[in-house]
């Protein structure tokens, strides 16, 4: 299951790790976010030993969302050593996300 990342736990969970971090920025009211959610959950299970995969609800976590300039949903950030190494905006299929994860592992 994807981790729930918040303004409070973001630094400790997403920045203080040497693993690849994949973050899905989403909102309840976002249709494409709802379509992407099961894919993110599947990836979280498949890569649980290799990567940190989490979700940030932008409506409840404006600090993190603002820090990364999230303006469109869904947005998926890939972080390595605390730095953004890839950004994907909008819905995508599982295969595309798997390729990006594999490329950065």
PDB file of N, CA and C in Angstrom:
ATOM      1  N   UNK A   1       0.836  -1.181   0.000  1.00  0.00           N
ATOM      2  CA  UNK A   1       0.000   0.000   0.000  1.00  0.00           C
ATOM      3  C   UNK A   1       0.885   1.250   0.000  1.00  0.00           C
ATOM      4  N   UNK A   2       0.489   2.235  -0.789  1.00  0.00           N
ATOM      5  CA  UNK A   2       1.247   3.476  -0.865  1.00  0.00           C
ATOM      6  C   UNK A   2       1.193   4.198   0.473  1.00  0.00           C
ATOM      7  N   UNK A   3       2.300   4.798   0.852  1.00  0.00           N
ATOM      8  CA  UNK A   3       2.370   5.549   2.102  1.00  0.00           C
ATOM      9  C   UNK A   3       1.597   6.854   1.972  1.00  0.00           C
ATOM     10  N   UNK A   4       0.946   7.257   3.038  1.00  0.00           N
ATOM     11  CA  UNK A   4       0.302   8.557   3.059  1.00  0.00           C
ATOM     12  C   UNK A   4       1.332   9.566   3.536  1.00  0.00           C
ATOM     13  N   UNK A   5       1.739  10.437   2.629  1.00  0.00           N
ATOM     14  CA  UNK A   5       2.725  11.459   2.961  1.00  0.00           C
ATOM     15  C   UNK A   5       1.998  12.751   3.292  1.00  0.00           C
ATOM     16  N   UNK A   6       2.467  13.433   4.329  1.00  0.00           N
ATOM     17  CA  UNK A   6       1.848  14.666   4.787  1.00  0.00           C
ATOM     18  C   UNK A   6       2.915  15.738   4.978  1.00  0.00           C
ATOM     19  N   UNK A   7       2.451  16.957   5.219  1.00  0.00           N
ATOM     20  CA  UNK A   7       3.396  18.031   5.540  1.00  0.00           C
ATOM     21  C   UNK A   7       4.258  17.652   6.739  1.00  0.00           C
ATOM     22  N   UNK A   8       3.689  16.907   7.678  1.00  0.00           N
ATOM     23  CA  UNK A   8       4.372  16.544   8.910  1.00  0.00           C
ATOM     24  C   UNK A   8       5.417  15.448   8.723  1.00  0.00           C
ATOM     25  N   UNK A   9       5.102  14.406   7.967  1.00  0.00           N
ATOM     26  CA  UNK A   9       6.020  13.267   7.854  1.00  0.00           C
ATOM     27  C   UNK A   9       6.837  13.254   6.563  1.00  0.00           C
ATOM     28  N   UNK A  10       6.655  14.240   5.705  1.00  0.00           N
ATOM     29  CA  UNK A  10       7.285  14.216   4.384  1.00  0.00           C
ATOM     30  C   UNK A  10       8.811  14.152   4.454  1.00  0.00           C
ATOM     31  N   UNK A  11       9.427  15.037   5.204  1.00  0.00           N
ATOM     32  CA  UNK A  11      10.892  15.082   5.259  1.00  0.00           C
ATOM     33  C   UNK A  11      11.471  13.759   5.759  1.00  0.00           C
ATOM     34  N   UNK A  12      10.929  13.236   6.829  1.00  0.00           N
ATOM     35  CA  UNK A  12      11.452  11.998   7.409  1.00  0.00           C
ATOM     36  C   UNK A  12      11.214  10.798   6.496  1.00  0.00           C
ATOM     37  N   UNK A  13      10.114  10.785   5.786  1.00  0.00           N
ATOM     38  CA  UNK A  13       9.754   9.633   4.958  1.00  0.00           C
ATOM     39  C   UNK A  13      10.321   9.713   3.547  1.00  0.00           C
ATOM     40  N   UNK A  14      10.243  10.882   2.931  1.00  0.00           N
ATOM     41  CA  UNK A  14      10.604  10.998   1.519  1.00  0.00           C
ATOM     42  C   UNK A  14      12.004  11.548   1.265  1.00  0.00           C
ATOM     43  N   UNK A  15      12.540  12.302   2.190  1.00  0.00           N
ATOM     44  CA  UNK A  15      13.847  12.927   1.954  1.00  0.00           C
ATOM     45  C   UNK A  15      14.994  12.226   2.664  1.00  0.00           C
ATOM     46  N   UNK A  16      14.717  11.613   3.804  1.00  0.00           N
ATOM     47  CA  UNK A  16      15.764  10.949   4.582  1.00  0.00           C
ATOM     48  C   UNK A  16      15.861   9.467   4.241  1.00  0.00           C
ATOM     49  N   UNK A  17      16.019   9.172   2.949  1.00  0.00           N
ATOM     50  CA  UNK A  17      16.151   7.788   2.497  1.00  0.00           C
ATOM     51  C   UNK A  17      17.086   7.748   1.297  1.00  0.00           C
ATOM     52  N   UNK A  18      17.756   6.630   1.132  1.00  0.00           N
ATOM     53  CA  UNK A  18      18.609   6.480  -0.047  1.00  0.00           C
ATOM     54  C   UNK A  18      17.882   5.740  -1.166  1.00  0.00           C
ATOM     55  N   UNK A  19      16.625   5.399  -0.932  1.00  0.00           N
ATOM     56  CA  UNK A  19      15.821   4.731  -1.958  1.00  0.00           C
ATOM     57  C   UNK A  19      15.204   5.749  -2.907  1.00  0.00           C
ATOM     58  N   UNK A  20      14.799   5.275  -4.071  1.00  0.00           N
ATOM     59  CA  UNK A  20      14.013   6.090  -4.982  1.00  0.00           C
ATOM     60  C   UNK A  20      12.675   6.366  -4.316  1.00  0.00           C
ATOM     61  N   UNK A  21      12.186   7.594  -4.422  1.00  0.00           N
ATOM     62  CA  UNK A  21      10.897   7.968  -3.857  1.00  0.00           C
ATOM     63  C   UNK A  21       9.989   8.408  -4.996  1.00  0.00           C
ATOM     64  N   UNK A  22       8.811   7.800  -5.073  1.00  0.00           N
ATOM     65  CA  UNK A  22       7.822   8.130  -6.095  1.00  0.00           C
ATOM     66  C   UNK A  22       6.606   8.677  -5.360  1.00  0.00           C
ATOM     67  N   UNK A  23       6.220   9.910  -5.706  1.00  0.00           N
ATOM     68  CA  UNK A  23       5.138  10.573  -4.984  1.00  0.00           C
ATOM     69  C   UNK A  23       4.022  10.955  -5.944  1.00  0.00           C
ATOM     70  N   UNK A  24       2.825  10.503  -5.622  1.00  0.00           N
ATOM     71  CA  UNK A  24       1.625  10.831  -6.381  1.00  0.00           C
ATOM     72  C   UNK A  24       0.913  11.979  -5.664  1.00  0.00           C
ATOM     73  N   UNK A  25       0.900  13.159  -6.288  1.00  0.00           N
ATOM     74  CA  UNK A  25       0.150  14.295  -5.759  1.00  0.00           C
ATOM     75  C   UNK A  25      -1.248  14.228  -6.353  1.00  0.00           C
ATOM     76  N   UNK A  26      -2.264  14.170  -5.475  1.00  0.00           N
ATOM     77  CA  UNK A  26      -3.624  13.911  -5.924  1.00  0.00           C
ATOM     78  C   UNK A  26      -4.627  14.693  -5.077  1.00  0.00           C
ATOM     79  N   UNK A  27      -5.917  14.609  -5.477  1.00  0.00           N
ATOM     80  CA  UNK A  27      -7.017  15.193  -4.700  1.00  0.00           C
ATOM     81  C   UNK A  27      -8.262  14.341  -4.895  1.00  0.00           C
ATOM     82  N   UNK A  28      -9.138  14.337  -3.896  1.00  0.00           N
ATOM     83  CA  UNK A  28     -10.378  13.547  -3.947  1.00  0.00           C
ATOM     84  C   UNK A  28     -11.231  13.890  -5.154  1.00  0.00           C
ATOM     85  N   UNK A  29     -11.295  15.162  -5.515  1.00  0.00           N
ATOM     86  CA  UNK A  29     -12.171  15.641  -6.574  1.00  0.00           C
ATOM     87  C   UNK A  29     -11.603  15.448  -7.982  1.00  0.00           C
ATOM     88  N   UNK A  30     -10.403  14.924  -8.078  1.00  0.00           N
ATOM     89  CA  UNK A  30      -9.686  14.800  -9.360  1.00  0.00           C
ATOM     90  C   UNK A  30      -9.983  13.446 -10.024  1.00  0.00           C
ATOM     91  N   UNK A  31     -10.700  13.462 -11.133  1.00  0.00           N
ATOM     92  CA  UNK A  31     -11.036  12.228 -11.847  1.00  0.00           C
ATOM     93  C   UNK A  31      -9.826  11.428 -12.295  1.00  0.00           C
ATOM     94  N   UNK A  32      -8.874  12.048 -13.011  1.00  0.00           N
ATOM     95  CA  UNK A  32      -7.685  11.299 -13.432  1.00  0.00           C
ATOM     96  C   UNK A  32      -6.886  10.739 -12.251  1.00  0.00           C
ATOM     97  N   UNK A  33      -6.930  11.433 -11.112  1.00  0.00           N
ATOM     98  CA  UNK A  33      -6.244  10.938  -9.910  1.00  0.00           C
ATOM     99  C   UNK A  33      -6.868   9.617  -9.450  1.00  0.00           C
ATOM    100  N   UNK A  34      -8.191   9.549  -9.510  1.00  0.00           N
ATOM    101  CA  UNK A  34      -8.886   8.326  -9.106  1.00  0.00           C
ATOM    102  C   UNK A  34      -8.548   7.177 -10.046  1.00  0.00           C
ATOM    103  N   UNK A  35      -8.364   7.480 -11.324  1.00  0.00           N
ATOM    104  CA  UNK A  35      -7.985   6.445 -12.290  1.00  0.00           C
ATOM    105  C   UNK A  35      -6.556   5.964 -12.046  1.00  0.00           C
ATOM    106  N   UNK A  36      -5.688   6.858 -11.610  1.00  0.00           N
ATOM    107  CA  UNK A  36      -4.283   6.527 -11.397  1.00  0.00           C
ATOM    108  C   UNK A  36      -4.040   5.819 -10.064  1.00  0.00           C
ATOM    109  N   UNK A  37      -4.907   6.035  -9.106  1.00  0.00           N
ATOM    110  CA  UNK A  37      -4.720   5.508  -7.755  1.00  0.00           C
ATOM    111  C   UNK A  37      -4.471   3.998  -7.691  1.00  0.00           C
ATOM    112  N   UNK A  38      -5.256   3.153  -8.392  1.00  0.00           N
ATOM    113  CA  UNK A  38      -4.982   1.708  -8.322  1.00  0.00           C
ATOM    114  C   UNK A  38      -3.610   1.338  -8.886  1.00  0.00           C
ATOM    115  N   UNK A  39      -3.151   2.079  -9.875  1.00  0.00           N
ATOM    116  CA  UNK A  39      -1.830   1.825 -10.462  1.00  0.00           C
ATOM    117  C   UNK A  39      -0.748   2.139  -9.432  1.00  0.00           C
ATOM    118  N   UNK A  40      -0.892   3.257  -8.740  1.00  0.00           N
ATOM    119  CA  UNK A  40       0.083   3.644  -7.722  1.00  0.00           C
ATOM    120  C   UNK A  40       0.113   2.595  -6.612  1.00  0.00           C
ATOM    121  N   UNK A  41      -1.053   2.107  -6.217  1.00  0.00           N
ATOM    122  CA  UNK A  41      -1.125   1.068  -5.181  1.00  0.00           C
ATOM    123  C   UNK A  41      -0.427  -0.218  -5.635  1.00  0.00           C
ATOM    124  N   UNK A  42      -0.622  -0.605  -6.888  1.00  0.00           N
ATOM    125  CA  UNK A  42       0.042  -1.806  -7.421  1.00  0.00           C
ATOM    126  C   UNK A  42       1.550  -1.626  -7.424  1.00  0.00           C
ATOM    127  N   UNK A  43       2.013  -0.465  -7.850  1.00  0.00           N
ATOM    128  CA  UNK A  43       3.454  -0.197  -7.889  1.00  0.00           C
ATOM    129  C   UNK A  43       4.045  -0.190  -6.482  1.00  0.00           C
ATOM    130  N   UNK A  44       3.292   0.336  -5.525  1.00  0.00           N
ATOM    131  CA  UNK A  44       3.770   0.352  -4.138  1.00  0.00           C
ATOM    132  C   UNK A  44       4.002  -1.069  -3.639  1.00  0.00           C
ATOM    133  N   UNK A  45       3.134  -1.969  -4.011  1.00  0.00           N
ATOM    134  CA  UNK A  45       3.290  -3.369  -3.601  1.00  0.00           C
ATOM    135  C   UNK A  45       4.458  -4.025  -4.343  1.00  0.00           C
ATOM    136  N   UNK A  46       4.519  -3.804  -5.648  1.00  0.00           N
ATOM    137  CA  UNK A  46       5.555  -4.444  -6.472  1.00  0.00           C
ATOM    138  C   UNK A  46       6.968  -3.964  -6.137  1.00  0.00           C
ATOM    139  N   UNK A  47       7.106  -2.704  -5.745  1.00  0.00           N
ATOM    140  CA  UNK A  47       8.433  -2.133  -5.494  1.00  0.00           C
ATOM    141  C   UNK A  47       8.677  -1.835  -4.019  1.00  0.00           C
ATOM    142  N   UNK A  48       7.922  -2.483  -3.124  1.00  0.00           N
ATOM    143  CA  UNK A  48       8.001  -2.147  -1.697  1.00  0.00           C
ATOM    144  C   UNK A  48       9.394  -2.312  -1.100  1.00  0.00           C
ATOM    145  N   UNK A  49      10.214  -3.195  -1.660  1.00  0.00           N
ATOM    146  CA  UNK A  49      11.565  -3.397  -1.123  1.00  0.00           C
ATOM    147  C   UNK A  49      12.613  -2.521  -1.794  1.00  0.00           C
ATOM    148  N   UNK A  50      12.240  -1.883  -2.902  1.00  0.00           N
ATOM    149  CA  UNK A  50      13.215  -1.124  -3.688  1.00  0.00           C
ATOM    150  C   UNK A  50      12.995   0.375  -3.674  1.00  0.00           C
ATOM    151  N   UNK A  51      11.756   0.801  -3.448  1.00  0.00           N
ATOM    152  CA  UNK A  51      11.424   2.221  -3.543  1.00  0.00           C
ATOM    153  C   UNK A  51      10.374   2.585  -2.493  1.00  0.00           C
ATOM    154  N   UNK A  52      10.323   3.867  -2.185  1.00  0.00           N
ATOM    155  CA  UNK A  52       9.277   4.408  -1.322  1.00  0.00           C
ATOM    156  C   UNK A  52       8.236   5.016  -2.256  1.00  0.00           C
ATOM    157  N   UNK A  53       7.028   4.506  -2.210  1.00  0.00           N
ATOM    158  CA  UNK A  53       5.971   5.028  -3.071  1.00  0.00           C
ATOM    159  C   UNK A  53       4.855   5.542  -2.177  1.00  0.00           C
ATOM    160  N   UNK A  54       4.555   6.832  -2.343  1.00  0.00           N
ATOM    161  CA  UNK A  54       3.568   7.460  -1.484  1.00  0.00           C
ATOM    162  C   UNK A  54       2.647   8.401  -2.223  1.00  0.00           C
ATOM    163  N   UNK A  55       1.665   8.892  -1.486  1.00  0.00           N
ATOM    164  CA  UNK A  55       0.663   9.786  -2.034  1.00  0.00           C
ATOM    165  C   UNK A  55       0.545  11.012  -1.136  1.00  0.00           C
ATOM    166  N   UNK A  56       0.371  12.174  -1.763  1.00  0.00           N
ATOM    167  CA  UNK A  56       0.161  13.417  -1.038  1.00  0.00           C
ATOM    168  C   UNK A  56      -1.184  13.994  -1.474  1.00  0.00           C
ATOM    169  N   UNK A  57      -2.109  14.131  -0.536  1.00  0.00           N
ATOM    170  CA  UNK A  57      -3.387  14.783  -0.794  1.00  0.00           C
ATOM    171  C   UNK A  57      -3.132  16.289  -0.762  1.00  0.00           C
ATOM    172  N   UNK A  58      -3.201  16.927  -1.930  1.00  0.00           N
ATOM    173  CA  UNK A  58      -2.817  18.335  -2.024  1.00  0.00           C
ATOM    174  C   UNK A  58      -3.746  19.259  -1.240  1.00  0.00           C
ATOM    175  N   UNK A  59      -5.003  18.854  -1.067  1.00  0.00           N
ATOM    176  CA  UNK A  59      -5.942  19.697  -0.328  1.00  0.00           C
ATOM    177  C   UNK A  59      -5.620  19.762   1.159  1.00  0.00           C
ATOM    178  N   UNK A  60      -4.965  18.738   1.684  1.00  0.00           N
ATOM    179  CA  UNK A  60      -4.642  18.693   3.107  1.00  0.00           C
ATOM    180  C   UNK A  60      -3.171  18.928   3.408  1.00  0.00           C
ATOM    181  N   UNK A  61      -2.350  19.084   2.381  1.00  0.00           N
ATOM    182  CA  UNK A  61      -0.896  19.212   2.577  1.00  0.00           C
ATOM    183  C   UNK A  61      -0.326  20.277   1.646  1.00  0.00           C
ATOM    184  N   UNK A  62      -0.729  21.505   1.890  1.00  0.00           N
ATOM    185  CA  UNK A  62      -0.333  22.601   0.990  1.00  0.00           C
ATOM    186  C   UNK A  62       1.146  22.943   1.075  1.00  0.00           C
ATOM    187  N   UNK A  63       1.781  22.673   2.208  1.00  0.00           N
ATOM    188  CA  UNK A  63       3.204  23.002   2.366  1.00  0.00           C
ATOM    189  C   UNK A  63       4.065  22.223   1.367  1.00  0.00           C
ATOM    190  N   UNK A  64       3.885  20.907   1.320  1.00  0.00           N
ATOM    191  CA  UNK A  64       4.656  20.065   0.395  1.00  0.00           C
ATOM    192  C   UNK A  64       4.279  20.379  -1.049  1.00  0.00           C
ATOM    193  N   UNK A  65       3.002  20.545  -1.298  1.00  0.00           N
ATOM    194  CA  UNK A  65       2.525  20.824  -2.655  1.00  0.00           C
ATOM    195  C   UNK A  65       3.103  22.141  -3.173  1.00  0.00           C
ATOM    196  N   UNK A  66       3.154  23.140  -2.329  1.00  0.00           N
ATOM    197  CA  UNK A  66       3.710  24.432  -2.712  1.00  0.00           C
ATOM    198  C   UNK A  66       5.217  24.337  -2.919  1.00  0.00           C
ATOM    199  N   UNK A  67       5.894  23.622  -2.044  1.00  0.00           N
ATOM    200  CA  UNK A  67       7.351  23.477  -2.145  1.00  0.00           C
ATOM    201  C   UNK A  67       7.767  22.925  -3.503  1.00  0.00           C
ATOM    202  N   UNK A  68       6.981  21.975  -4.022  1.00  0.00           N
ATOM    203  CA  UNK A  68       7.320  21.346  -5.303  1.00  0.00           C
ATOM    204  C   UNK A  68       6.563  21.949  -6.486  1.00  0.00           C
ATOM    205  N   UNK A  69       5.851  23.038  -6.258  1.00  0.00           N
ATOM    206  CA  UNK A  69       5.189  23.755  -7.350  1.00  0.00           C
ATOM    207  C   UNK A  69       4.119  22.948  -8.056  1.00  0.00           C
ATOM    208  N   UNK A  70       3.359  22.179  -7.305  1.00  0.00           N
ATOM    209  CA  UNK A  70       2.325  21.348  -7.907  1.00  0.00           C
ATOM    210  C   UNK A  70       1.153  22.231  -8.319  1.00  0.00           C
ATOM    211  N   UNK A  71       0.875  22.262  -9.621  1.00  0.00           N
ATOM    212  CA  UNK A  71      -0.197  23.100 -10.147  1.00  0.00           C
ATOM    213  C   UNK A  71      -1.254  22.300 -10.903  1.00  0.00           C
ATOM    214  N   UNK A  72      -0.904  21.109 -11.357  1.00  0.00           N
ATOM    215  CA  UNK A  72      -1.831  20.251 -12.099  1.00  0.00           C
ATOM    216  C   UNK A  72      -1.849  18.876 -11.448  1.00  0.00           C
ATOM    217  N   UNK A  73      -3.002  18.227 -11.535  1.00  0.00           N
ATOM    218  CA  UNK A  73      -3.158  16.902 -10.932  1.00  0.00           C
ATOM    219  C   UNK A  73      -3.628  15.900 -11.968  1.00  0.00           C
ATOM    220  N   UNK A  74      -3.222  14.655 -11.819  1.00  0.00           N
ATOM    221  CA  UNK A  74      -2.193  14.198 -10.888  1.00  0.00           C
ATOM    222  C   UNK A  74      -0.797  14.599 -11.368  1.00  0.00           C
ATOM    223  N   UNK A  75       0.106  14.768 -10.426  1.00  0.00           N
ATOM    224  CA  UNK A  75       1.525  14.967 -10.725  1.00  0.00           C
ATOM    225  C   UNK A  75       2.294  13.909  -9.960  1.00  0.00           C
ATOM    226  N   UNK A  76       3.211  13.260 -10.644  1.00  0.00           N
ATOM    227  CA  UNK A  76       4.051  12.251 -10.001  1.00  0.00           C
ATOM    228  C   UNK A  76       5.490  12.730 -10.051  1.00  0.00           C
ATOM    229  N   UNK A  77       6.092  12.816  -8.862  1.00  0.00           N
ATOM    230  CA  UNK A  77       7.501  13.196  -8.762  1.00  0.00           C
ATOM    231  C   UNK A  77       8.332  11.974  -8.411  1.00  0.00           C
ATOM    232  N   UNK A  78       9.498  11.907  -9.008  1.00  0.00           N
ATOM    233  CA  UNK A  78      10.478  10.868  -8.715  1.00  0.00           C
ATOM    234  C   UNK A  78      11.657  11.577  -8.063  1.00  0.00           C
ATOM    235  N   UNK A  79      11.969  11.213  -6.817  1.00  0.00           N
ATOM    236  CA  UNK A  79      13.062  11.833  -6.082  1.00  0.00           C
ATOM    237  C   UNK A  79      14.154  10.816  -5.794  1.00  0.00           C
ATOM    238  N   UNK A  80      15.379  11.249  -5.945  1.00  0.00           N
ATOM    239  CA  UNK A  80      16.543  10.429  -5.610  1.00  0.00           C
ATOM    240  C   UNK A  80      17.461  11.325  -4.783  1.00  0.00           C
ATOM    241  N   UNK A  81      17.805  10.862  -3.590  1.00  0.00           N
ATOM    242  CA  UNK A  81      18.647  11.641  -2.675  1.00  0.00           C
ATOM    243  C   UNK A  81      18.066  13.033  -2.424  1.00  0.00           C
ATOM    244  N   UNK A  82      16.741  13.116  -2.321  1.00  0.00           N
ATOM    245  CA  UNK A  82      16.076  14.373  -2.021  1.00  0.00           C
ATOM    246  C   UNK A  82      15.886  15.315  -3.191  1.00  0.00           C
ATOM    247  N   UNK A  83      16.363  14.936  -4.366  1.00  0.00           N
ATOM    248  CA  UNK A  83      16.272  15.793  -5.550  1.00  0.00           C
ATOM    249  C   UNK A  83      15.296  15.210  -6.559  1.00  0.00           C
ATOM    250  N   UNK A  84      14.530  16.077  -7.218  1.00  0.00           N
ATOM    251  CA  UNK A  84      13.600  15.623  -8.249  1.00  0.00           C
ATOM    252  C   UNK A  84      14.396  15.198  -9.480  1.00  0.00           C
ATOM    253  N   UNK A  85      14.233  13.931  -9.881  1.00  0.00           N
ATOM    254  CA  UNK A  85      14.937  13.416 -11.059  1.00  0.00           C
ATOM    255  C   UNK A  85      13.988  13.236 -12.248  1.00  0.00           C
ATOM    256  N   UNK A  86      12.683  13.267 -11.980  1.00  0.00           N
ATOM    257  CA  UNK A  86      11.699  13.189 -13.065  1.00  0.00           C
ATOM    258  C   UNK A  86      10.357  13.672 -12.539  1.00  0.00           C
ATOM    259  N   UNK A  87       9.588  14.279 -13.446  1.00  0.00           N
ATOM    260  CA  UNK A  87       8.251  14.768 -13.095  1.00  0.00           C
ATOM    261  C   UNK A  87       7.303  14.387 -14.212  1.00  0.00           C
ATOM    262  N   UNK A  88       6.176  13.777 -13.843  1.00  0.00           N
ATOM    263  CA  UNK A  88       5.151  13.433 -14.826  1.00  0.00           C
ATOM    264  C   UNK A  88       3.846  14.095 -14.407  1.00  0.00           C
ATOM    265  N   UNK A  89       3.220  14.823 -15.339  1.00  0.00           N
ATOM    266  CA  UNK A  89       1.961  15.490 -15.056  1.00  0.00           C
ATOM    267  C   UNK A  89       0.862  14.836 -15.889  1.00  0.00           C
ATOM    268  N   UNK A  90      -0.235  14.484 -15.215  1.00  0.00           N
ATOM    269  CA  UNK A  90      -1.376  13.885 -15.896  1.00  0.00           C
ATOM    270  C   UNK A  90      -1.410  12.379 -15.746  1.00  0.00           C
ATOM    271  N   UNK A  91      -2.498  11.807 -16.226  1.00  0.00           N
ATOM    272  CA  UNK A  91      -2.673  10.362 -16.146  1.00  0.00           C
ATOM    273  C   UNK A  91      -1.688   9.661 -17.077  1.00  0.00           C
ATOM    274  N   UNK A  92      -1.264   8.472 -16.699  1.00  0.00           N
ATOM    275  CA  UNK A  92      -0.419   7.645 -17.546  1.00  0.00           C
ATOM    276  C   UNK A  92      -0.700   6.187 -17.225  1.00  0.00           C
ATOM    277  N   UNK A  93      -0.208   5.308 -18.075  1.00  0.00           N
ATOM    278  CA  UNK A  93      -0.414   3.879 -17.852  1.00  0.00           C
ATOM    279  C   UNK A  93       0.708   3.323 -16.970  1.00  0.00           C
ATOM    280  N   UNK A  94       0.434   2.178 -16.379  1.00  0.00           N
ATOM    281  CA  UNK A  94       1.361   1.549 -15.449  1.00  0.00           C
ATOM    282  C   UNK A  94       2.734   1.308 -16.078  1.00  0.00           C
ATOM    283  N   UNK A  95       2.756   0.848 -17.317  1.00  0.00           N
ATOM    284  CA  UNK A  95       4.022   0.530 -17.988  1.00  0.00           C
ATOM    285  C   UNK A  95       4.957   1.749 -18.019  1.00  0.00           C
ATOM    286  N   UNK A  96       4.419   2.922 -18.283  1.00  0.00           N
ATOM    287  CA  UNK A  96       5.253   4.130 -18.329  1.00  0.00           C
ATOM    288  C   UNK A  96       5.883   4.427 -16.972  1.00  0.00           C
ATOM    289  N   UNK A  97       5.107   4.260 -15.909  1.00  0.00           N
ATOM    290  CA  UNK A  97       5.646   4.505 -14.567  1.00  0.00           C
ATOM    291  C   UNK A  97       6.674   3.443 -14.181  1.00  0.00           C
ATOM    292  N   UNK A  98       6.409   2.188 -14.559  1.00  0.00           N
ATOM    293  CA  UNK A  98       7.386   1.123 -14.285  1.00  0.00           C
ATOM    294  C   UNK A  98       8.711   1.418 -14.973  1.00  0.00           C
ATOM    295  N   UNK A  99       8.661   1.883 -16.214  1.00  0.00           N
ATOM    296  CA  UNK A  99       9.891   2.199 -16.947  1.00  0.00           C
ATOM    297  C   UNK A  99      10.674   3.308 -16.246  1.00  0.00           C
ATOM    298  N   UNK A 100       9.984   4.327 -15.762  1.00  0.00           N
ATOM    299  CA  UNK A 100      10.661   5.417 -15.055  1.00  0.00           C
ATOM    300  C   UNK A 100      11.258   4.940 -13.734  1.00  0.00           C
ATOM    301  N   UNK A 101      10.514   4.109 -13.016  1.00  0.00           N
ATOM    302  CA  UNK A 101      11.034   3.564 -11.755  1.00  0.00           C
ATOM    303  C   UNK A 101      12.290   2.739 -12.027  1.00  0.00           C
ATOM    304  N   UNK A 102      12.211   1.843 -12.987  1.00  0.00           N
ATOM    305  CA  UNK A 102      13.359   0.983 -13.317  1.00  0.00           C
ATOM    306  C   UNK A 102      14.572   1.819 -13.736  1.00  0.00           C
ATOM    307  N   UNK A 103      14.338   2.878 -14.470  1.00  0.00           N
ATOM    308  CA  UNK A 103      15.430   3.732 -14.952  1.00  0.00           C
ATOM    309  C   UNK A 103      16.163   4.427 -13.801  1.00  0.00           C
ATOM    310  N   UNK A 104      15.462   4.660 -12.692  1.00  0.00           N
ATOM    311  CA  UNK A 104      16.062   5.409 -11.589  1.00  0.00           C
ATOM    312  C   UNK A 104      16.438   4.562 -10.386  1.00  0.00           C
ATOM    313  N   UNK A 105      16.181   3.263 -10.444  1.00  0.00           N
ATOM    314  CA  UNK A 105      16.558   2.397  -9.314  1.00  0.00           C
ATOM    315  C   UNK A 105      18.052   2.224  -9.235  1.00  0.00           C
TER     316      UNK A 105
END
